[in-house]
Amino acid sequence: MKLGAFEELVLLAVGVLGEDAYGVTIKEILKEKTKKNPSIGALHSALYRLEEKGYLEASEGGATSERGGRRKKYYRLTSHGIKVLEEANELRMAFSREVPGLNLKPSS
């Protein structure tokens, strides 16, 4: 598994957004959840890399007048993308359990 921290956040954002996962909505949820504002260039680079790795699949939506006739590119997690997220979480949790004094509680 080769997955950077930002790539992991992008995959999580796509998973949360479901059928509404495209550039702008992914950027918005990342900003909301991380309190950071990723550049659209960095986001598109990550989306491209994740698609190349087989973690995401992309499809084009219909053209809209609000976008000057351009189509939105929608993303969805592949089964491989879901598996890599599960592996990343397992690794993080296993490491965390070994940190003395760290008392992790499930979020509600």
Protein backbone atom coordinates (compact mmCIF):
# COMPACT_ATOMS: atom_id res chain seq x y z
CA MET A 1 0.00 0.00 0.00
CA LYS A 2 1.42 3.37 -0.99
CA LEU A 3 -0.91 6.10 0.18
CA GLY A 4 0.02 9.61 1.27
CA ALA A 5 -1.84 11.45 4.02
CA PHE A 6 -3.51 13.89 1.61
CA GLU A 7 -4.44 11.05 -0.74
CA GLU A 8 -6.05 9.22 2.18
CA LEU A 9 -8.10 12.32 3.04
CA VAL A 10 -9.18 12.64 -0.59
CA LEU A 11 -10.29 9.00 -0.67
CA LEU A 12 -12.23 9.49 2.55
CA ALA A 13 -13.89 12.62 1.14
CA VAL A 14 -14.94 10.77 -2.01
CA GLY A 15 -16.36 7.97 0.11
CA VAL A 16 -18.34 10.37 2.29
CA LEU A 17 -19.71 12.32 -0.67
CA GLY A 18 -20.87 9.26 -2.59
CA GLU A 19 -22.55 10.19 -5.87
CA ASP A 20 -21.86 13.91 -5.30
CA ALA A 21 -18.05 13.55 -5.33
CA TYR A 22 -16.52 15.95 -7.86
CA GLY A 23 -13.73 18.52 -7.61
CA VAL A 24 -15.59 21.37 -5.91
CA THR A 25 -17.49 19.22 -3.39
CA ILE A 26 -14.37 17.25 -2.53
CA LYS A 27 -12.46 20.51 -1.95
CA GLU A 28 -15.30 21.86 0.22
CA ILE A 29 -15.52 18.81 2.46
CA LEU A 30 -11.74 18.70 2.87
CA LYS A 31 -11.79 22.36 3.91
CA GLU A 32 -14.66 21.72 6.34
CA LYS A 33 -13.16 18.63 7.96
CA THR A 34 -9.46 19.59 8.03
CA LYS A 35 -9.82 23.38 8.48
CA LYS A 36 -7.29 23.71 5.63
CA ASN A 37 -7.97 24.91 2.10
CA PRO A 38 -6.22 22.67 -0.42
CA SER A 39 -5.48 24.20 -3.80
CA ILE A 40 -7.58 22.89 -6.66
CA GLY A 41 -4.32 21.97 -8.44
CA ALA A 42 -3.14 19.79 -5.56
CA LEU A 43 -6.57 18.18 -5.37
CA HIS A 44 -6.71 17.40 -9.09
CA SER A 45 -3.17 15.98 -8.96
CA ALA A 46 -4.18 13.70 -6.08
CA LEU A 47 -7.38 12.63 -7.85
CA TYR A 48 -5.38 11.78 -10.97
CA ARG A 49 -2.82 9.76 -8.97
CA LEU A 50 -5.56 7.89 -7.10
CA GLU A 51 -7.28 7.07 -10.37
CA GLU A 52 -3.96 5.84 -11.82
CA LYS A 53 -3.43 3.63 -8.76
CA GLY A 54 -6.88 2.11 -9.24
CA TYR A 55 -8.33 3.50 -5.99
CA LEU A 56 -10.85 5.75 -7.77
CA GLU A 57 -12.93 5.57 -10.91
CA ALA A 58 -14.11 8.67 -12.73
CA SER A 59 -17.13 9.35 -14.91
CA GLU A 60 -18.42 12.47 -16.59
CA GLY A 61 -21.75 14.03 -15.75
CA GLY A 62 -23.94 16.04 -18.07
CA ALA A 63 -22.86 19.45 -19.32
CA THR A 64 -24.43 22.41 -17.52
CA SER A 65 -24.87 26.04 -18.54
CA GLU A 66 -23.53 27.19 -15.16
CA ARG A 67 -20.21 25.57 -16.09
CA GLY A 68 -20.14 27.03 -19.59
CA GLY A 69 -21.16 23.72 -21.12
CA ARG A 70 -18.37 21.78 -19.43
CA ARG A 71 -19.04 18.44 -17.80
CA LYS A 72 -18.33 17.62 -14.16
CA LYS A 73 -15.99 14.73 -13.51
CA TYR A 74 -17.41 12.54 -10.74
CA TYR A 75 -15.35 10.11 -8.68
CA ARG A 76 -16.15 6.96 -6.76
CA LEU A 77 -14.13 4.58 -4.64
CA THR A 78 -13.21 1.26 -6.22
CA SER A 79 -13.09 -1.94 -4.20
CA HIS A 80 -9.30 -1.53 -4.24
CA GLY A 81 -9.70 2.01 -2.85
CA ILE A 82 -11.91 0.73 -0.04
CA LYS A 83 -9.37 -1.99 0.76
CA VAL A 84 -6.46 0.47 0.91
CA LEU A 85 -8.46 2.72 3.29
CA GLU A 86 -9.18 -0.26 5.52
CA GLU A 87 -5.48 -1.24 5.54
CA ALA A 88 -4.41 2.34 6.35
CA ASN A 89 -6.86 2.45 9.26
CA GLU A 90 -5.71 -0.92 10.61
CA LEU A 91 -2.06 0.16 10.47
CA ARG A 92 -2.79 3.48 12.17
CA MET A 93 -4.81 1.80 14.93
CA ALA A 94 -2.16 -0.88 15.51
CA PHE A 95 0.53 1.82 15.84
CA SER A 96 -1.67 3.92 18.10
CA ARG A 97 -2.28 1.05 20.52
CA GLU A 98 1.50 0.86 21.09
CA VAL A 99 1.84 4.49 22.19
CA PRO A 100 2.17 4.56 26.00
CA GLY A 101 -0.39 6.78 27.66
CA LEU A 102 -2.47 7.28 24.54
CA ASN A 103 -6.09 6.62 25.40
CA LEU A 104 -8.03 6.48 22.15
CA LYS A 105 -11.79 6.49 22.41
CA PRO A 106 -14.18 5.80 19.57
CA SER A 107 -15.78 9.00 18.29
CA SER A 108 -19.52 9.26 18.61
